[in-house]
Amino acid sequence: MSRKNFGPNSFITPEPVLMIAAYDENGTPDIMNAAWGGISGGNQISMCISPGHKTVKNILVKKAFTVSFATADLVVESDYVGIVSANDVPDKFAKAGFTATKSEFVDAPLVDQYPVAIECEMVSYDEESHIMIGKIVNVCADESILTDGAIDLGKLRPIVYDGMNHNYNVLGEIVGKAFEDGKQMK
């Protein structure tokens, strides 16, 4: 095997395309696209998002946010809200065609177009490291993407960010059974 070195790089795959939504001080929904995040504890989510984002400012005011997963059918809209700042385009949420329903668990919007949402209370934000931690209060999913009562990635079709090539790729193909297939080697 021959390997090529890329030096220090923030490459890890897959990078989820997280759609982070919050209300501003007037109750207007805002959303941003972020790829640097994941589960950081049994009931916590951790994201690396810089303080200049309007969504971050909104979260710091409201102390709540939702995280949805960008999907293959909403690539254009999901990318748009990632490249346009609400600091410059205050109506980017509506311009993307999004509508919201208020979460019943936290003071944050559920984005109606995304079928899964993680509803969070902000735990902390470190302006130096840009790490925001949220406590997961609830996860909700539209019935249309469930199979046998569980979220089905094949139906959800979440996209991931390929940071090396600047592409979005879709997930969903089952290639094995976790905590089961490895038993063949015991």
N, C-alpha and C. Protein backbone atom coordinates (compact mmCIF):
# COMPACT_ATOMS: atom_id res chain seq x y z
N MET A 1 0.85 -1.18 0.00
CA MET A 1 0.00 0.00 0.00
C MET A 1 0.89 1.23 0.00
N SER A 2 0.58 2.16 -0.87
CA SER A 2 1.31 3.42 -0.94
C SER A 2 0.40 4.52 -0.42
N ARG A 3 0.92 5.33 0.50
CA ARG A 3 0.11 6.38 1.11
C ARG A 3 0.63 7.76 0.71
N LYS A 4 -0.30 8.70 0.59
CA LYS A 4 0.04 10.10 0.34
C LYS A 4 -0.21 10.85 1.63
N ASN A 5 0.71 11.71 2.05
CA ASN A 5 0.55 12.51 3.25
C ASN A 5 -0.13 13.84 2.92
N PHE A 6 -1.07 14.24 3.78
CA PHE A 6 -1.78 15.50 3.61
C PHE A 6 -1.43 16.49 4.71
N GLY A 7 -0.53 16.12 5.61
CA GLY A 7 -0.16 17.01 6.70
C GLY A 7 -1.32 17.20 7.66
N PRO A 8 -1.16 18.14 8.61
CA PRO A 8 -2.26 18.36 9.55
C PRO A 8 -3.48 18.87 8.79
N ASN A 9 -4.59 18.22 9.00
CA ASN A 9 -5.80 18.53 8.25
C ASN A 9 -6.99 18.20 9.14
N SER A 10 -8.07 18.91 9.01
CA SER A 10 -9.26 18.66 9.83
C SER A 10 -10.13 17.56 9.24
N PHE A 11 -9.54 16.65 8.51
CA PHE A 11 -10.28 15.60 7.83
C PHE A 11 -10.70 14.48 8.78
N ILE A 12 -11.99 14.29 8.86
CA ILE A 12 -12.58 13.11 9.48
C ILE A 12 -13.86 12.86 8.69
N THR A 13 -14.19 11.62 8.50
CA THR A 13 -15.36 11.34 7.68
C THR A 13 -16.20 10.24 8.31
N PRO A 14 -17.48 10.28 8.22
CA PRO A 14 -18.25 11.34 7.57
C PRO A 14 -18.44 12.53 8.50
N GLU A 15 -18.58 13.70 7.91
CA GLU A 15 -18.90 14.91 8.66
C GLU A 15 -20.38 15.18 8.45
N PRO A 16 -21.18 15.10 9.49
CA PRO A 16 -22.62 15.33 9.30
C PRO A 16 -22.88 16.77 8.90
N VAL A 17 -23.88 16.97 8.08
CA VAL A 17 -24.29 18.33 7.72
C VAL A 17 -25.41 18.68 8.69
N LEU A 18 -25.03 19.40 9.74
CA LEU A 18 -25.95 19.75 10.80
C LEU A 18 -26.63 21.08 10.49
N MET A 19 -27.92 21.10 10.61
CA MET A 19 -28.70 22.30 10.37
C MET A 19 -29.15 22.81 11.73
N ILE A 20 -28.49 23.88 12.19
CA ILE A 20 -28.69 24.41 13.53
C ILE A 20 -29.65 25.59 13.46
N ALA A 21 -30.74 25.50 14.22
CA ALA A 21 -31.77 26.55 14.16
C ALA A 21 -32.03 27.12 15.55
N ALA A 22 -32.31 28.41 15.57
CA ALA A 22 -32.63 29.11 16.82
C ALA A 22 -33.49 30.33 16.48
N TYR A 23 -34.19 30.81 17.49
CA TYR A 23 -34.94 32.06 17.34
C TYR A 23 -34.06 33.24 17.72
N ASP A 24 -34.28 34.38 17.06
CA ASP A 24 -33.61 35.59 17.51
C ASP A 24 -34.43 36.24 18.62
N GLU A 25 -34.01 37.39 19.06
CA GLU A 25 -34.67 38.06 20.19
C GLU A 25 -36.12 38.44 19.88
N ASN A 26 -36.48 38.49 18.59
CA ASN A 26 -37.85 38.84 18.19
C ASN A 26 -38.70 37.61 17.85
N GLY A 27 -38.12 36.42 18.01
CA GLY A 27 -38.86 35.20 17.70
C GLY A 27 -38.80 34.79 16.24
N THR A 28 -37.90 35.41 15.48
CA THR A 28 -37.73 35.05 14.07
C THR A 28 -36.76 33.88 13.97
N PRO A 29 -37.13 32.81 13.25
CA PRO A 29 -36.22 31.67 13.14
C PRO A 29 -35.02 31.97 12.25
N ASP A 30 -33.90 31.39 12.61
CA ASP A 30 -32.66 31.49 11.85
C ASP A 30 -32.07 30.09 11.78
N ILE A 31 -31.25 29.85 10.77
CA ILE A 31 -30.65 28.53 10.59
C ILE A 31 -29.28 28.67 9.96
N MET A 32 -28.39 27.76 10.32
CA MET A 32 -27.07 27.71 9.71
C MET A 32 -26.69 26.25 9.46
N ASN A 33 -25.73 26.07 8.61
CA ASN A 33 -25.21 24.76 8.23
C ASN A 33 -23.83 24.62 8.87
N ALA A 34 -23.58 23.52 9.56
CA ALA A 34 -22.27 23.29 10.18
C ALA A 34 -21.92 21.81 10.07
N ALA A 35 -20.67 21.51 9.84
CA ALA A 35 -20.24 20.12 9.69
C ALA A 35 -19.41 19.61 10.86
N TRP A 36 -18.94 20.48 11.71
CA TRP A 36 -18.07 20.04 12.79
C TRP A 36 -18.89 19.85 14.06
N GLY A 37 -19.42 18.65 14.22
CA GLY A 37 -20.20 18.38 15.41
C GLY A 37 -20.50 16.90 15.56
N GLY A 38 -20.95 16.56 16.75
CA GLY A 38 -21.31 15.18 17.02
C GLY A 38 -21.72 14.99 18.46
N ILE A 39 -21.98 13.76 18.82
CA ILE A 39 -22.36 13.41 20.18
C ILE A 39 -21.12 13.49 21.06
N SER A 40 -21.27 14.14 22.23
CA SER A 40 -20.11 14.28 23.12
C SER A 40 -20.42 13.74 24.52
N GLY A 41 -21.45 12.99 24.62
CA GLY A 41 -21.85 12.39 25.88
C GLY A 41 -23.17 11.70 25.65
N GLY A 42 -23.66 10.98 26.61
CA GLY A 42 -24.90 10.25 26.43
C GLY A 42 -26.07 11.11 26.04
N ASN A 43 -26.11 12.34 26.54
CA ASN A 43 -27.23 13.22 26.22
C ASN A 43 -26.75 14.62 25.83
N GLN A 44 -25.57 14.69 25.20
CA GLN A 44 -25.04 15.99 24.79
C GLN A 44 -24.57 15.96 23.34
N ILE A 45 -24.68 17.12 22.72
CA ILE A 45 -24.15 17.33 21.38
C ILE A 45 -23.12 18.45 21.48
N SER A 46 -22.05 18.31 20.72
CA SER A 46 -20.98 19.30 20.73
C SER A 46 -20.75 19.76 19.30
N MET A 47 -20.62 21.07 19.12
CA MET A 47 -20.41 21.62 17.78
C MET A 47 -19.35 22.70 17.85
N CYS A 48 -18.56 22.81 16.79
CA CYS A 48 -17.56 23.86 16.68
C CYS A 48 -18.11 24.90 15.73
N ILE A 49 -18.59 26.02 16.29
CA ILE A 49 -19.19 27.09 15.48
C ILE A 49 -18.70 28.44 16.00
N SER A 50 -18.25 29.29 15.08
CA SER A 50 -17.62 30.55 15.49
C SER A 50 -18.66 31.58 15.95
N PRO A 51 -18.25 32.48 16.84
CA PRO A 51 -19.18 33.42 17.46
C PRO A 51 -19.75 34.48 16.51
N GLY A 52 -19.18 34.66 15.33
CA GLY A 52 -19.67 35.66 14.41
C GLY A 52 -20.99 35.30 13.74
N HIS A 53 -21.37 34.03 13.80
CA HIS A 53 -22.62 33.59 13.18
C HIS A 53 -23.82 34.17 13.92
N LYS A 54 -24.78 34.65 13.19
CA LYS A 54 -26.02 35.17 13.78
C LYS A 54 -26.72 34.07 14.59
N THR A 55 -26.68 32.85 14.10
CA THR A 55 -27.31 31.73 14.82
C THR A 55 -26.67 31.54 16.19
N VAL A 56 -25.36 31.66 16.26
CA VAL A 56 -24.67 31.52 17.56
C VAL A 56 -25.13 32.64 18.50
N LYS A 57 -25.19 33.85 17.98
CA LYS A 57 -25.66 34.98 18.80
C LYS A 57 -27.08 34.71 19.31
N ASN A 58 -27.93 34.16 18.44
CA ASN A 58 -29.30 33.84 18.84
C ASN A 58 -29.34 32.77 19.93
N ILE A 59 -28.53 31.75 19.79
CA ILE A 59 -28.48 30.68 20.78
C ILE A 59 -28.03 31.24 22.13
N LEU A 60 -27.05 32.12 22.10
CA LEU A 60 -26.56 32.70 23.35
C LEU A 60 -27.65 33.52 24.05
N VAL A 61 -28.56 34.09 23.29
CA VAL A 61 -29.69 34.85 23.87
C VAL A 61 -30.77 33.89 24.38
N LYS A 62 -31.16 32.93 23.55
CA LYS A 62 -32.29 32.05 23.86
C LYS A 62 -31.91 30.82 24.69
N LYS A 63 -30.62 30.47 24.68
CA LYS A 63 -30.12 29.30 25.42
C LYS A 63 -30.77 27.99 24.95
N ALA A 64 -31.19 27.96 23.69
CA ALA A 64 -31.82 26.77 23.13
C ALA A 64 -31.62 26.74 21.62
N PHE A 65 -31.64 25.53 21.04
CA PHE A 65 -31.50 25.37 19.61
C PHE A 65 -31.97 23.98 19.21
N THR A 66 -32.19 23.80 17.92
CA THR A 66 -32.47 22.48 17.38
C THR A 66 -31.40 22.15 16.35
N VAL A 67 -31.16 20.86 16.18
CA VAL A 67 -30.22 20.38 15.18
C VAL A 67 -30.96 19.36 14.33
N SER A 68 -30.99 19.62 13.03
CA SER A 68 -31.56 18.67 12.08
C SER A 68 -30.44 18.19 11.16
N PHE A 69 -30.75 17.18 10.37
CA PHE A 69 -29.78 16.66 9.43
C PHE A 69 -30.19 17.07 8.02
N ALA A 70 -29.26 17.69 7.30
CA ALA A 70 -29.53 18.03 5.91
C ALA A 70 -29.77 16.73 5.15
N THR A 71 -30.69 16.79 4.19
CA THR A 71 -31.06 15.59 3.44
C THR A 71 -30.80 15.80 1.95
N ALA A 72 -30.74 14.68 1.23
CA ALA A 72 -30.43 14.73 -0.20
C ALA A 72 -31.41 15.60 -0.98
N ASP A 73 -32.67 15.62 -0.58
CA ASP A 73 -33.66 16.41 -1.31
C ASP A 73 -33.59 17.90 -1.00
N LEU A 74 -32.79 18.29 0.01
CA LEU A 74 -32.68 19.70 0.37
C LEU A 74 -31.22 20.20 0.31
N VAL A 75 -30.44 19.66 -0.61
CA VAL A 75 -29.03 20.04 -0.74
C VAL A 75 -28.88 21.53 -1.04
N VAL A 76 -29.63 22.04 -1.99
CA VAL A 76 -29.48 23.44 -2.41
C VAL A 76 -29.81 24.37 -1.25
N GLU A 77 -30.96 24.14 -0.61
CA GLU A 77 -31.38 24.99 0.49
C GLU A 77 -30.42 24.89 1.67
N SER A 78 -29.96 23.67 1.96
CA SER A 78 -29.04 23.44 3.08
C SER A 78 -27.70 24.13 2.84
N ASP A 79 -27.21 24.08 1.62
CA ASP A 79 -25.95 24.74 1.29
C ASP A 79 -26.13 26.26 1.32
N TYR A 80 -27.25 26.75 0.81
CA TYR A 80 -27.52 28.18 0.78
C TYR A 80 -27.43 28.80 2.17
N VAL A 81 -28.08 28.19 3.15
CA VAL A 81 -28.06 28.78 4.49
C VAL A 81 -26.70 28.62 5.17
N GLY A 82 -25.82 27.86 4.55
CA GLY A 82 -24.46 27.74 5.04
C GLY A 82 -23.51 28.76 4.44
N ILE A 83 -23.87 29.29 3.28
CA ILE A 83 -22.97 30.24 2.61
C ILE A 83 -23.46 31.68 2.71
N VAL A 84 -24.68 31.86 3.21
CA VAL A 84 -25.24 33.20 3.39
C VAL A 84 -25.44 33.44 4.88
N SER A 85 -25.01 34.57 5.36
CA SER A 85 -25.14 34.90 6.78
C SER A 85 -26.41 35.70 7.04
N ALA A 86 -27.10 35.35 8.12
CA ALA A 86 -28.26 36.15 8.54
C ALA A 86 -27.83 37.53 9.03
N ASN A 87 -26.55 37.71 9.28
CA ASN A 87 -26.05 39.06 9.59
C ASN A 87 -26.21 39.97 8.37
N ASP A 88 -26.13 39.37 7.16
CA ASP A 88 -26.24 40.12 5.91
C ASP A 88 -27.61 39.95 5.24
N VAL A 89 -28.20 38.77 5.37
CA VAL A 89 -29.50 38.45 4.75
C VAL A 89 -30.43 37.97 5.87
N PRO A 90 -31.07 38.92 6.57
CA PRO A 90 -31.87 38.56 7.75
C PRO A 90 -33.01 37.59 7.47
N ASP A 91 -33.50 37.53 6.22
CA ASP A 91 -34.62 36.64 5.91
C ASP A 91 -34.17 35.37 5.20
N LYS A 92 -32.92 34.95 5.41
CA LYS A 92 -32.40 33.78 4.69
C LYS A 92 -33.21 32.52 4.99
N PHE A 93 -33.76 32.39 6.20
CA PHE A 93 -34.58 31.23 6.56
C PHE A 93 -35.78 31.14 5.62
N ALA A 94 -36.51 32.22 5.50
CA ALA A 94 -37.68 32.26 4.62
C ALA A 94 -37.28 32.18 3.15
N LYS A 95 -36.18 32.85 2.79
CA LYS A 95 -35.72 32.85 1.40
C LYS A 95 -35.36 31.43 0.95
N ALA A 96 -34.88 30.60 1.88
CA ALA A 96 -34.56 29.21 1.56
C ALA A 96 -35.83 28.37 1.42
N GLY A 97 -36.98 28.95 1.77
CA GLY A 97 -38.24 28.22 1.67
C GLY A 97 -38.60 27.44 2.91
N PHE A 98 -37.90 27.73 4.02
CA PHE A 98 -38.16 27.00 5.26
C PHE A 98 -39.31 27.62 6.04
N THR A 99 -40.02 26.76 6.74
CA THR A 99 -41.04 27.18 7.69
C THR A 99 -40.73 26.48 9.01
N ALA A 100 -41.26 27.02 10.09
CA ALA A 100 -40.91 26.48 11.41
C ALA A 100 -42.14 26.27 12.26
N THR A 101 -42.00 25.32 13.16
CA THR A 101 -42.97 25.06 14.22
C THR A 101 -42.19 25.14 15.52
N LYS A 102 -42.74 25.82 16.51
CA LYS A 102 -42.04 25.94 17.80
C LYS A 102 -41.96 24.59 18.49
N SER A 103 -40.77 24.25 18.95
CA SER A 103 -40.58 23.04 19.74
C SER A 103 -41.42 23.11 21.00
N GLU A 104 -41.96 21.99 21.42
CA GLU A 104 -42.70 21.98 22.68
C GLU A 104 -41.77 21.74 23.86
N PHE A 105 -40.48 21.48 23.60
CA PHE A 105 -39.53 21.16 24.66
C PHE A 105 -38.52 22.26 24.96
N VAL A 106 -38.13 23.04 23.92
CA VAL A 106 -37.14 24.11 24.09
C VAL A 106 -37.61 25.33 23.31
N ASP A 107 -37.05 26.49 23.63
CA ASP A 107 -37.42 27.73 22.94
C ASP A 107 -36.63 27.86 21.64
N ALA A 108 -36.96 27.00 20.70
CA ALA A 108 -36.25 26.97 19.42
C ALA A 108 -37.19 26.40 18.35
N PRO A 109 -36.90 26.70 17.08
CA PRO A 109 -37.76 26.24 16.00
C PRO A 109 -37.43 24.83 15.51
N LEU A 110 -38.47 24.08 15.21
CA LEU A 110 -38.32 22.84 14.44
C LEU A 110 -38.48 23.26 12.99
N VAL A 111 -37.53 22.92 12.15
CA VAL A 111 -37.62 23.27 10.73
C VAL A 111 -38.49 22.22 10.06
N ASP A 112 -39.65 22.64 9.60
CA ASP A 112 -40.66 21.71 9.09
C ASP A 112 -40.16 20.83 7.94
N GLN A 113 -39.24 21.31 7.14
CA GLN A 113 -38.79 20.57 5.96
C GLN A 113 -37.82 19.43 6.31
N TYR A 114 -37.19 19.49 7.46
CA TYR A 114 -36.27 18.42 7.86
C TYR A 114 -37.02 17.44 8.76
N PRO A 115 -37.00 16.14 8.42
CA PRO A 115 -37.83 15.18 9.15
C PRO A 115 -37.31 14.75 10.53
N VAL A 116 -36.08 15.10 10.89
CA VAL A 116 -35.55 14.73 12.21
C VAL A 116 -35.01 16.00 12.87
N ALA A 117 -35.25 16.11 14.18
CA ALA A 117 -34.69 17.24 14.93
C ALA A 117 -34.24 16.77 16.30
N ILE A 118 -33.11 17.30 16.72
CA ILE A 118 -32.60 17.11 18.07
C ILE A 118 -32.84 18.43 18.78
N GLU A 119 -33.63 18.41 19.85
CA GLU A 119 -34.02 19.62 20.55
C GLU A 119 -33.10 19.78 21.77
N CYS A 120 -32.43 20.92 21.86
CA CYS A 120 -31.36 21.09 22.84
C CYS A 120 -31.47 22.36 23.67
N GLU A 121 -31.01 22.26 24.90
CA GLU A 121 -30.76 23.42 25.75
C GLU A 121 -29.26 23.66 25.73
N MET A 122 -28.85 24.92 25.58
CA MET A 122 -27.42 25.22 25.58
C MET A 122 -26.85 24.98 26.98
N VAL A 123 -25.76 24.25 27.05
CA VAL A 123 -25.05 24.00 28.30
C VAL A 123 -23.91 25.00 28.45
N SER A 124 -23.12 25.16 27.37
CA SER A 124 -21.98 26.07 27.44
C SER A 124 -21.52 26.45 26.05
N TYR A 125 -20.79 27.57 26.01
CA TYR A 125 -20.15 28.00 24.78
C TYR A 125 -18.81 28.64 25.14
N ASP A 126 -17.75 28.16 24.51
CA ASP A 126 -16.41 28.68 24.75
C ASP A 126 -16.00 29.49 23.52
N GLU A 127 -15.89 30.81 23.69
CA GLU A 127 -15.58 31.69 22.56
C GLU A 127 -14.17 31.48 22.02
N GLU A 128 -13.26 30.93 22.83
CA GLU A 128 -11.90 30.67 22.35
C GLU A 128 -11.85 29.45 21.45
N SER A 129 -12.43 28.35 21.91
CA SER A 129 -12.39 27.11 21.12
C SER A 129 -13.56 27.02 20.14
N HIS A 130 -14.57 27.86 20.33
CA HIS A 130 -15.79 27.87 19.52
C HIS A 130 -16.65 26.62 19.74
N ILE A 131 -16.46 25.95 20.86
CA ILE A 131 -17.21 24.73 21.16
C ILE A 131 -18.49 25.08 21.90
N MET A 132 -19.60 24.68 21.31
CA MET A 132 -20.91 24.83 21.94
C MET A 132 -21.39 23.43 22.32
N ILE A 133 -21.85 23.31 23.54
CA ILE A 133 -22.39 22.04 24.02
C ILE A 133 -23.85 22.24 24.36
N GLY A 134 -24.65 21.31 23.89
CA GLY A 134 -26.07 21.36 24.18
C GLY A 134 -26.53 20.07 24.84
N LYS A 135 -27.46 20.19 25.75
CA LYS A 135 -28.09 19.03 26.37
C LYS A 135 -29.26 18.60 25.49
N ILE A 136 -29.27 17.35 25.09
CA ILE A 136 -30.36 16.83 24.26
C ILE A 136 -31.57 16.60 25.15
N VAL A 137 -32.65 17.33 24.86
CA VAL A 137 -33.88 17.24 25.63
C VAL A 137 -34.87 16.28 24.97
N ASN A 138 -34.84 16.25 23.62
CA ASN A 138 -35.76 15.39 22.88
C ASN A 138 -35.23 15.19 21.47
N VAL A 139 -35.56 14.06 20.89
CA VAL A 139 -35.34 13.81 19.47
C VAL A 139 -36.70 13.48 18.88
N CYS A 140 -37.06 14.15 17.80
CA CYS A 140 -38.34 13.86 17.16
C CYS A 140 -38.11 13.56 15.69
N ALA A 141 -38.99 12.74 15.12
CA ALA A 141 -38.87 12.37 13.72
C ALA A 141 -40.25 12.23 13.09
N ASP A 142 -40.34 12.63 11.84
CA ASP A 142 -41.58 12.48 11.10
C ASP A 142 -41.82 10.99 10.83
N GLU A 143 -43.06 10.59 10.94
CA GLU A 143 -43.44 9.18 10.73
C GLU A 143 -43.01 8.67 9.36
N SER A 144 -42.89 9.56 8.37
CA SER A 144 -42.57 9.14 7.00
C SER A 144 -41.19 8.52 6.86
N ILE A 145 -40.30 8.74 7.82
CA ILE A 145 -38.94 8.19 7.70
C ILE A 145 -38.69 7.09 8.73
N LEU A 146 -39.75 6.56 9.31
CA LEU A 146 -39.61 5.48 10.28
C LEU A 146 -39.87 4.12 9.63
N THR A 147 -39.14 3.12 10.10
CA THR A 147 -39.39 1.73 9.76
C THR A 147 -39.41 0.96 11.07
N ASP A 148 -40.50 0.27 11.32
CA ASP A 148 -40.68 -0.47 12.57
C ASP A 148 -40.43 0.41 13.79
N GLY A 149 -40.87 1.67 13.72
CA GLY A 149 -40.78 2.59 14.84
C GLY A 149 -39.42 3.23 15.05
N ALA A 150 -38.45 2.97 14.18
CA ALA A 150 -37.10 3.55 14.31
C ALA A 150 -36.77 4.40 13.09
N ILE A 151 -35.89 5.39 13.28
CA ILE A 151 -35.46 6.24 12.17
C ILE A 151 -34.69 5.39 11.17
N ASP A 152 -35.08 5.47 9.91
CA ASP A 152 -34.50 4.68 8.83
C ASP A 152 -33.65 5.62 7.96
N LEU A 153 -32.32 5.46 8.01
CA LEU A 153 -31.43 6.33 7.24
C LEU A 153 -31.68 6.23 5.74
N GLY A 154 -32.14 5.07 5.26
CA GLY A 154 -32.46 4.92 3.85
C GLY A 154 -33.61 5.81 3.43
N LYS A 155 -34.55 6.04 4.34
CA LYS A 155 -35.67 6.94 4.07
C LYS A 155 -35.29 8.39 4.34
N LEU A 156 -34.50 8.63 5.38
CA LEU A 156 -34.07 9.99 5.73
C LEU A 156 -33.14 10.56 4.67
N ARG A 157 -32.20 9.75 4.19
CA ARG A 157 -31.19 10.13 3.20
C ARG A 157 -30.38 11.35 3.64
N PRO A 158 -29.77 11.29 4.86
CA PRO A 158 -28.96 12.42 5.30
C PRO A 158 -27.71 12.56 4.44
N ILE A 159 -27.26 13.79 4.31
CA ILE A 159 -26.03 14.01 3.56
C ILE A 159 -24.88 14.27 4.53
N VAL A 160 -23.69 13.98 4.08
CA VAL A 160 -22.48 14.26 4.83
C VAL A 160 -21.58 15.12 3.95
N TYR A 161 -20.71 15.86 4.61
CA TYR A 161 -19.79 16.75 3.91
C TYR A 161 -18.46 16.05 3.72
N ASP A 162 -17.95 16.06 2.51
CA ASP A 162 -16.63 15.54 2.17
C ASP A 162 -15.71 16.74 2.09
N GLY A 163 -15.00 17.02 3.19
CA GLY A 163 -14.15 18.19 3.29
C GLY A 163 -12.95 18.17 2.37
N MET A 164 -12.51 17.00 1.97
CA MET A 164 -11.36 16.91 1.05
C MET A 164 -11.72 17.37 -0.34
N ASN A 165 -12.93 17.04 -0.77
CA ASN A 165 -13.34 17.33 -2.15
C ASN A 165 -14.45 18.37 -2.25
N HIS A 166 -14.92 18.85 -1.10
CA HIS A 166 -16.00 19.84 -1.05
C HIS A 166 -17.27 19.35 -1.75
N ASN A 167 -17.64 18.12 -1.43
CA ASN A 167 -18.86 17.51 -1.97
C ASN A 167 -19.79 17.15 -0.84
N TYR A 168 -21.06 16.96 -1.17
CA TYR A 168 -22.02 16.36 -0.27
C TYR A 168 -22.30 14.96 -0.78
N ASN A 169 -22.31 13.99 0.12
CA ASN A 169 -22.61 12.61 -0.22
C ASN A 169 -23.80 12.16 0.62
N VAL A 170 -24.55 11.21 0.11
CA VAL A 170 -25.73 10.74 0.83
C VAL A 170 -25.42 9.43 1.55
N LEU A 171 -26.00 9.27 2.74
CA LEU A 171 -25.89 8.04 3.51
C LEU A 171 -27.19 7.24 3.39
N GLY A 172 -27.12 5.99 3.74
CA GLY A 172 -28.36 5.22 3.79
C GLY A 172 -28.22 3.75 3.47
N GLU A 173 -27.17 3.34 2.78
CA GLU A 173 -27.00 1.94 2.42
C GLU A 173 -26.54 1.15 3.63
N ILE A 174 -27.21 0.05 3.91
CA ILE A 174 -26.82 -0.83 5.02
C ILE A 174 -25.77 -1.81 4.49
N VAL A 175 -24.62 -1.86 5.17
CA VAL A 175 -23.55 -2.78 4.75
C VAL A 175 -23.21 -3.80 5.84
N GLY A 176 -23.84 -3.68 6.99
CA GLY A 176 -23.58 -4.63 8.06
C GLY A 176 -24.45 -4.34 9.26
N LYS A 177 -24.36 -5.22 10.25
CA LYS A 177 -25.14 -5.08 11.47
C LYS A 177 -24.19 -4.83 12.64
N ALA A 178 -24.29 -3.63 13.26
CA ALA A 178 -23.42 -3.27 14.38
C ALA A 178 -23.63 -4.19 15.57
N PHE A 179 -22.56 -4.48 16.28
CA PHE A 179 -22.56 -5.33 17.47
C PHE A 179 -23.01 -6.75 17.17
N GLU A 180 -23.01 -7.12 15.90
CA GLU A 180 -23.44 -8.46 15.50
C GLU A 180 -22.45 -9.09 14.54
N ASP A 181 -22.09 -8.39 13.46
CA ASP A 181 -21.25 -8.98 12.42
C ASP A 181 -19.88 -9.41 12.92
N GLY A 182 -19.32 -8.68 13.86
CA GLY A 182 -18.01 -9.03 14.38
C GLY A 182 -17.98 -10.34 15.16
N LYS A 183 -19.14 -10.80 15.58
CA LYS A 183 -19.21 -12.07 16.33
C LYS A 183 -18.73 -13.24 15.49
N GLN A 184 -18.73 -13.07 14.16
CA GLN A 184 -18.25 -14.12 13.26
C GLN A 184 -16.78 -14.44 13.53
N MET A 185 -16.04 -13.50 14.08
CA MET A 185 -14.62 -13.69 14.31
C MET A 185 -14.30 -14.22 15.69
N LYS A 186 -15.33 -14.36 16.55
CA LYS A 186 -15.09 -14.86 17.91
C LYS A 186 -14.76 -16.33 17.89
